[in-house]
Amino acid sequence: MSNLGNFVLIGLSNGLIYSVVAICIVLIFRSTRVINFSQAALAMFSTYVAVSLIDRGVPYYLAFLIAVIFGFIAGALIERFLMRRVESKSPLNAVIVAVGVLITLEAMAGVIWGATLRNFPSHFSLIGIKIGKSRLGISPFDIFILVVVLVLLGALVFLFRYTKLGMMMRASAFAPEVARLLGVRVGRMLTLGWALAGAGGAVAGMLAAPRVFLFPNNMDAVLVFAFTAAIIGGLDSPVGALVGGLIMGVSLSLIGGYLGSDLENPGAFLILVVVLMARPQGLFSSISERRV
């Protein structure tokens, strides 16, 4: 296969990981109107929990499940005891608290598990699939990631579009006072949004770790690209998060392959600027722009 084809396949693989984190960012934003910059640290910490269990002989899929449950509980606790205290304050306060959680969890991980690189096991091969004499830039593990991303995306779209629970979560985010008058337990809805994002973050961390290794700030770069992907797609659109992640993955792979890896970060922000100049609300956002 040509270099271009391999670069595209590798980019799609990386883009799927960005998409998972971007979907979690969208989930938090749609249910709380807060941008969760602690998403990367939650993903990393949950992944450390999983690898610690695996090291102690716990089966891979059971450790995977326990880590997801841990992420769910951790997300709920962060919202209940930290984010709720700034719920009625300026949105900047919530951002500062989220960044504080990011720094705290990364520091705790360094103290508990150390800062050395660790391998995270995968039950699927990371070697590209071979067709004839050519080896593709996509592996069985990438196909597994694709399945997981599609399941998460489908579940999220179904939740917000077709369930009463999803409607209550959206109402709690956009009009909390009105939602309270209608009998919605707004606090519980906000907690549930953070809990679901924590669980999704755990999945994202365990999907990313086999490729980027595991260390306390291993998800920081992923968070930057995922956040950019979420903005490109539209912060309130799960489908946009998926498409934005794939755009970022393929674009960065092509930039790194042809121009050098040093230009990947500037390239990411250039893509963001171009998209926002053409469509400020993002590619798939339901929010329309207004002139004031």
Protein backbone atom coordinates (compact mmCIF):
# COMPACT_ATOMS: atom_id res chain seq x y z
CA MET A 1 0.00 0.00 0.00
CA SER A 2 1.17 3.54 -0.72
CA ASN A 3 2.43 5.85 2.00
CA LEU A 4 -0.65 8.02 1.58
CA GLY A 5 -2.98 5.09 2.21
CA ASN A 6 -1.08 4.01 5.31
CA PHE A 7 -0.97 7.55 6.67
CA VAL A 8 -4.74 7.81 6.25
CA LEU A 9 -5.37 4.47 7.99
CA ILE A 10 -3.03 5.36 10.86
CA GLY A 11 -4.77 8.72 11.13
CA LEU A 12 -8.19 7.08 11.27
CA SER A 13 -6.93 4.79 14.04
CA ASN A 14 -5.60 7.70 16.10
CA GLY A 15 -8.68 9.75 15.29
CA LEU A 16 -10.95 7.13 16.83
CA ILE A 17 -9.16 7.58 20.17
CA TYR A 18 -9.55 11.36 19.90
CA SER A 19 -13.21 10.75 19.11
CA VAL A 20 -13.82 8.75 22.30
CA VAL A 21 -12.45 11.55 24.48
CA ALA A 22 -14.24 14.19 22.39
CA ILE A 23 -17.53 12.33 22.86
CA CYS A 24 -16.98 12.41 26.63
CA ILE A 25 -16.32 16.17 26.46
CA VAL A 26 -19.56 16.60 24.50
CA LEU A 27 -21.43 14.47 27.03
CA ILE A 28 -20.33 16.72 29.89
CA PHE A 29 -21.07 19.87 27.91
CA ARG A 30 -24.55 18.74 26.88
CA SER A 31 -25.49 17.68 30.40
CA THR A 32 -23.80 20.43 32.46
CA ARG A 33 -22.64 23.21 30.04
CA VAL A 34 -19.14 22.79 31.48
CA ILE A 35 -15.99 21.93 29.50
CA ASN A 36 -14.29 19.16 31.46
CA PHE A 37 -10.52 19.60 31.28
CA SER A 38 -10.08 16.87 33.92
CA GLN A 39 -11.26 14.24 31.43
CA ALA A 40 -7.69 13.22 30.57
CA ALA A 41 -6.71 12.69 34.20
CA LEU A 42 -9.83 10.63 34.91
CA ALA A 43 -9.00 8.44 31.91
CA MET A 44 -5.39 8.02 33.01
CA PHE A 45 -6.23 7.25 36.65
CA SER A 46 -8.85 4.66 35.68
CA THR A 47 -6.33 3.02 33.36
CA TYR A 48 -3.83 2.76 36.21
CA VAL A 49 -6.53 1.06 38.29
CA ALA A 50 -7.05 -1.46 35.48
CA VAL A 51 -3.35 -2.23 34.97
CA SER A 52 -2.87 -2.62 38.74
CA LEU A 53 -5.64 -5.22 38.82
CA ILE A 54 -4.22 -7.02 35.78
CA ASP A 55 -0.79 -7.14 37.46
CA ARG A 56 -2.46 -8.90 40.40
CA GLY A 57 -3.94 -11.60 38.19
CA VAL A 58 -7.39 -10.16 37.57
CA PRO A 59 -8.67 -11.16 34.09
CA TYR A 60 -8.38 -8.43 31.46
CA TYR A 61 -12.08 -7.90 30.81
CA LEU A 62 -12.97 -7.94 34.51
CA ALA A 63 -10.27 -5.33 35.17
CA PHE A 64 -11.65 -3.34 32.22
CA LEU A 65 -15.13 -3.43 33.76
CA ILE A 66 -13.90 -2.48 37.24
CA ALA A 67 -11.97 0.47 35.79
CA VAL A 68 -15.11 1.68 33.99
CA ILE A 69 -17.08 1.44 37.24
CA PHE A 70 -14.27 3.31 39.02
CA GLY A 71 -14.44 6.06 36.39
CA PHE A 72 -18.22 6.25 36.80
CA ILE A 73 -17.96 6.64 40.58
CA ALA A 74 -15.01 9.07 40.38
CA GLY A 75 -16.87 11.28 37.92
CA ALA A 76 -19.93 11.35 40.18
CA LEU A 77 -17.84 12.23 43.25
CA ILE A 78 -16.02 15.04 41.43
CA GLU A 79 -19.32 16.61 40.42
CA ARG A 80 -20.97 16.12 43.81
CA PHE A 81 -18.18 17.42 46.04
CA LEU A 82 -16.23 19.81 43.79
CA MET A 83 -18.11 21.04 40.74
CA ARG A 84 -21.41 21.57 42.55
CA ARG A 85 -19.78 24.10 44.84
CA VAL A 86 -19.15 26.37 41.85
CA GLU A 87 -22.34 25.49 39.97
CA SER A 88 -23.91 28.93 40.45
CA LYS A 89 -20.65 30.83 40.03
CA SER A 90 -18.91 32.09 36.90
CA PRO A 91 -18.22 29.38 34.27
CA LEU A 92 -14.53 30.21 34.64
CA ASN A 93 -14.66 28.84 38.20
CA ALA A 94 -15.73 25.43 36.91
CA VAL A 95 -12.87 25.45 34.39
CA ILE A 96 -10.37 26.29 37.15
CA VAL A 97 -11.70 23.48 39.35
CA ALA A 98 -11.49 21.01 36.44
CA VAL A 99 -7.88 21.99 35.75
CA GLY A 100 -7.16 21.61 39.47
CA VAL A 101 -8.58 18.08 39.38
CA LEU A 102 -6.38 17.33 36.35
CA ILE A 103 -3.22 18.47 38.16
CA THR A 104 -4.17 16.70 41.41
CA LEU A 105 -4.93 13.34 39.80
CA GLU A 106 -1.74 13.41 37.74
CA ALA A 107 0.30 14.19 40.86
CA MET A 108 -1.44 11.42 42.82
CA ALA A 109 -0.76 8.93 40.03
CA GLY A 110 2.93 9.86 40.09
CA VAL A 111 3.08 9.31 43.86
CA ILE A 112 1.17 6.00 43.81
CA TRP A 113 2.50 4.35 40.65
CA GLY A 114 5.60 6.35 39.75
CA ALA A 115 6.40 8.27 36.59
CA THR A 116 8.02 5.47 34.55
CA LEU A 117 6.49 4.33 31.27
CA ARG A 118 4.36 1.20 31.59
CA ASN A 119 2.94 -1.12 28.98
CA PHE A 120 -0.79 -1.72 28.95
CA PRO A 121 -1.86 -5.11 27.58
CA SER A 122 -4.21 -5.53 24.66
CA HIS A 123 -6.18 -8.65 23.77
CA PHE A 124 -5.96 -7.69 20.12
CA SER A 125 -2.88 -7.48 17.93
CA LEU A 126 -1.39 -4.04 17.32
CA ILE A 127 0.30 -5.22 14.12
CA GLY A 128 -1.29 -4.09 10.87
CA ILE A 129 -3.50 -6.54 9.01
CA LYS A 130 -1.69 -8.25 6.15
CA ILE A 131 -3.41 -8.51 2.77
CA GLY A 132 -1.34 -10.36 0.21
CA LYS A 133 2.17 -8.96 0.37
CA SER A 134 1.07 -5.64 1.82
CA ARG A 135 0.52 -4.81 5.49
CA LEU A 136 -2.12 -2.21 6.19
CA GLY A 137 -1.74 0.61 8.68
CA ILE A 138 -4.79 -0.68 10.58
CA SER A 139 -4.72 -3.55 13.08
CA PRO A 140 -7.29 -5.81 14.80
CA PHE A 141 -6.98 -3.50 17.81
CA ASP A 142 -8.03 -0.57 15.62
CA ILE A 143 -11.12 -2.49 14.54
CA PHE A 144 -11.91 -3.13 18.21
CA ILE A 145 -11.59 0.62 18.88
CA LEU A 146 -13.95 1.35 15.98
CA VAL A 147 -16.58 -1.00 17.41
CA VAL A 148 -16.29 0.58 20.87
CA VAL A 149 -16.54 4.11 19.45
CA LEU A 150 -19.64 3.26 17.41
CA VAL A 151 -21.29 1.64 20.44
CA LEU A 152 -20.55 4.68 22.62
CA LEU A 153 -21.75 7.07 19.93
CA GLY A 154 -24.95 5.12 19.35
CA ALA A 155 -25.67 4.91 23.08
CA LEU A 156 -25.10 8.64 23.55
CA VAL A 157 -27.27 9.65 20.58
CA PHE A 158 -30.03 7.32 21.76
CA LEU A 159 -29.79 8.67 25.32
CA PHE A 160 -30.13 12.33 24.40
CA ARG A 161 -32.59 12.02 21.52
CA TYR A 162 -34.94 9.21 22.46
CA THR A 163 -35.06 8.82 26.25
CA LYS A 164 -36.78 10.80 28.97
CA LEU A 165 -33.59 10.65 31.03
CA GLY A 166 -31.62 12.31 28.24
CA MET A 167 -34.22 15.05 27.89
CA MET A 168 -34.04 15.73 31.64
CA MET A 169 -30.24 15.92 31.46
CA ARG A 170 -30.39 18.42 28.62
CA ALA A 171 -33.06 20.46 30.39
CA SER A 172 -30.93 20.52 33.54
CA ALA A 173 -28.01 21.91 31.56
CA PHE A 174 -29.82 24.52 29.45
CA ALA A 175 -32.56 25.70 31.84
CA PRO A 176 -31.98 24.36 35.37
CA GLU A 177 -34.56 26.60 37.06
CA VAL A 178 -37.28 25.62 34.60
CA ALA A 179 -36.29 21.97 34.95
CA ARG A 180 -36.63 22.22 38.74
CA LEU A 181 -40.13 23.70 38.37
CA LEU A 182 -41.04 20.70 36.22
CA GLY A 183 -39.87 18.29 38.92
CA VAL A 184 -36.47 17.34 37.49
CA ARG A 185 -33.80 16.54 40.09
CA VAL A 186 -31.21 18.78 38.49
CA GLY A 187 -28.41 17.85 40.90
CA ARG A 188 -28.83 14.17 40.13
CA MET A 189 -28.84 14.83 36.39
CA LEU A 190 -25.59 16.79 36.61
CA THR A 191 -24.00 14.05 38.71
CA LEU A 192 -25.11 11.42 36.20
CA GLY A 193 -23.58 13.40 33.34
CA TRP A 194 -20.21 13.53 35.06
CA ALA A 195 -20.45 9.87 36.04
CA LEU A 196 -21.13 8.75 32.46
CA ALA A 197 -18.27 10.91 31.19
CA GLY A 198 -15.98 9.37 33.82
CA ALA A 199 -16.91 5.89 32.62
CA GLY A 200 -16.37 6.90 29.00
CA GLY A 201 -13.03 8.42 29.93
CA ALA A 202 -11.96 5.14 31.50
CA VAL A 203 -12.73 3.38 28.23
CA ALA A 204 -10.78 6.03 26.30
CA GLY A 205 -7.76 5.67 28.58
CA MET A 206 -7.64 1.91 28.18
CA LEU A 207 -7.97 2.20 24.41
CA ALA A 208 -5.18 4.78 24.18
CA ALA A 209 -2.72 3.20 26.64
CA PRO A 210 -1.54 0.30 24.43
CA ARG A 211 -0.39 2.85 21.83
CA VAL A 212 0.92 5.75 23.91
CA PHE A 213 2.10 3.76 26.96
CA LEU A 214 0.94 4.61 30.46
CA PHE A 215 2.38 7.40 32.61
CA PRO A 216 0.77 10.16 34.72
CA ASN A 217 0.28 12.69 31.91
CA ASN A 218 -0.03 10.28 28.98
CA MET A 219 -3.49 11.57 28.05
CA ASP A 220 -2.67 15.29 28.00
CA ALA A 221 -1.84 15.43 24.29
CA VAL A 222 -4.89 13.29 23.53
CA LEU A 223 -7.03 15.76 25.50
CA VAL A 224 -5.73 18.71 23.46
CA PHE A 225 -6.50 17.02 20.15
CA ALA A 226 -9.84 15.67 21.43
CA PHE A 227 -10.89 19.10 22.67
CA THR A 228 -9.99 20.56 19.28
CA ALA A 229 -12.00 17.77 17.63
CA ALA A 230 -15.02 18.50 19.83
CA ILE A 231 -14.92 22.19 18.90
CA ILE A 232 -14.54 21.39 15.20
CA GLY A 233 -17.54 19.06 15.31
CA GLY A 234 -19.63 21.36 17.50
CA LEU A 235 -19.51 21.05 21.28
CA ASP A 236 -23.09 19.79 21.50
CA SER A 237 -22.87 17.12 18.78
CA PRO A 238 -21.76 13.51 19.46
CA VAL A 239 -21.61 12.83 15.72
CA GLY A 240 -19.55 15.98 15.31
CA ALA A 241 -17.15 14.71 17.98
CA LEU A 242 -16.65 11.51 15.98
CA VAL A 243 -16.13 13.34 12.69
CA GLY A 244 -13.91 15.96 14.33
CA GLY A 245 -11.74 13.23 15.86
CA LEU A 246 -11.31 11.53 12.51
CA ILE A 247 -10.48 14.85 10.82
CA MET A 248 -7.87 15.55 13.47
CA GLY A 249 -6.39 12.05 13.29
CA VAL A 250 -6.03 11.97 9.51
CA SER A 251 -4.80 15.56 9.28
CA LEU A 252 -2.15 15.10 11.97
CA SER A 253 -1.02 11.82 10.42
CA LEU A 254 -0.57 13.46 7.01
CA ILE A 255 1.19 16.48 8.51
CA GLY A 256 3.51 14.27 10.55
CA GLY A 257 4.17 11.93 7.65
CA TYR A 258 4.93 14.53 5.01
CA LEU A 259 6.04 17.63 6.93
CA GLY A 260 7.42 16.25 10.19
CA SER A 261 5.99 15.55 13.64
CA ASP A 262 7.13 18.95 14.95
CA LEU A 263 4.40 20.58 12.88
CA GLU A 264 1.54 18.43 14.21
CA ASN A 265 0.58 20.75 17.08
CA PRO A 266 0.63 23.95 14.99
CA GLY A 267 -1.24 22.05 12.29
CA ALA A 268 -3.99 21.08 14.73
CA PHE A 269 -4.65 24.66 15.71
CA LEU A 270 -4.47 25.84 12.10
CA ILE A 271 -7.21 23.34 11.23
CA LEU A 272 -9.26 24.61 14.17
CA VAL A 273 -8.90 28.24 13.06
CA VAL A 274 -9.87 27.44 9.47
CA VAL A 275 -12.99 25.51 10.52
CA LEU A 276 -14.11 28.17 12.99
CA MET A 277 -13.62 30.92 10.42
CA ALA A 278 -15.82 29.02 7.97
CA ARG A 279 -18.38 27.79 10.53
CA PRO A 280 -17.95 29.34 14.01
CA GLN A 281 -20.44 27.02 15.73
CA GLY A 282 -18.70 23.88 14.47
CA LEU A 283 -19.52 21.51 11.64
CA PHE A 284 -22.44 19.68 13.26
CA SER A 285 -23.64 22.03 15.99
CA SER A 286 -27.37 22.65 16.34
CA ILE A 287 -26.63 26.17 17.59
CA SER A 288 -26.99 28.88 14.97
CA GLU A 289 -24.81 31.97 14.91
CA ARG A 290 -26.31 35.36 15.74
CA ARG A 291 -25.19 38.88 14.89
CA VAL A 292 -25.16 41.28 17.82
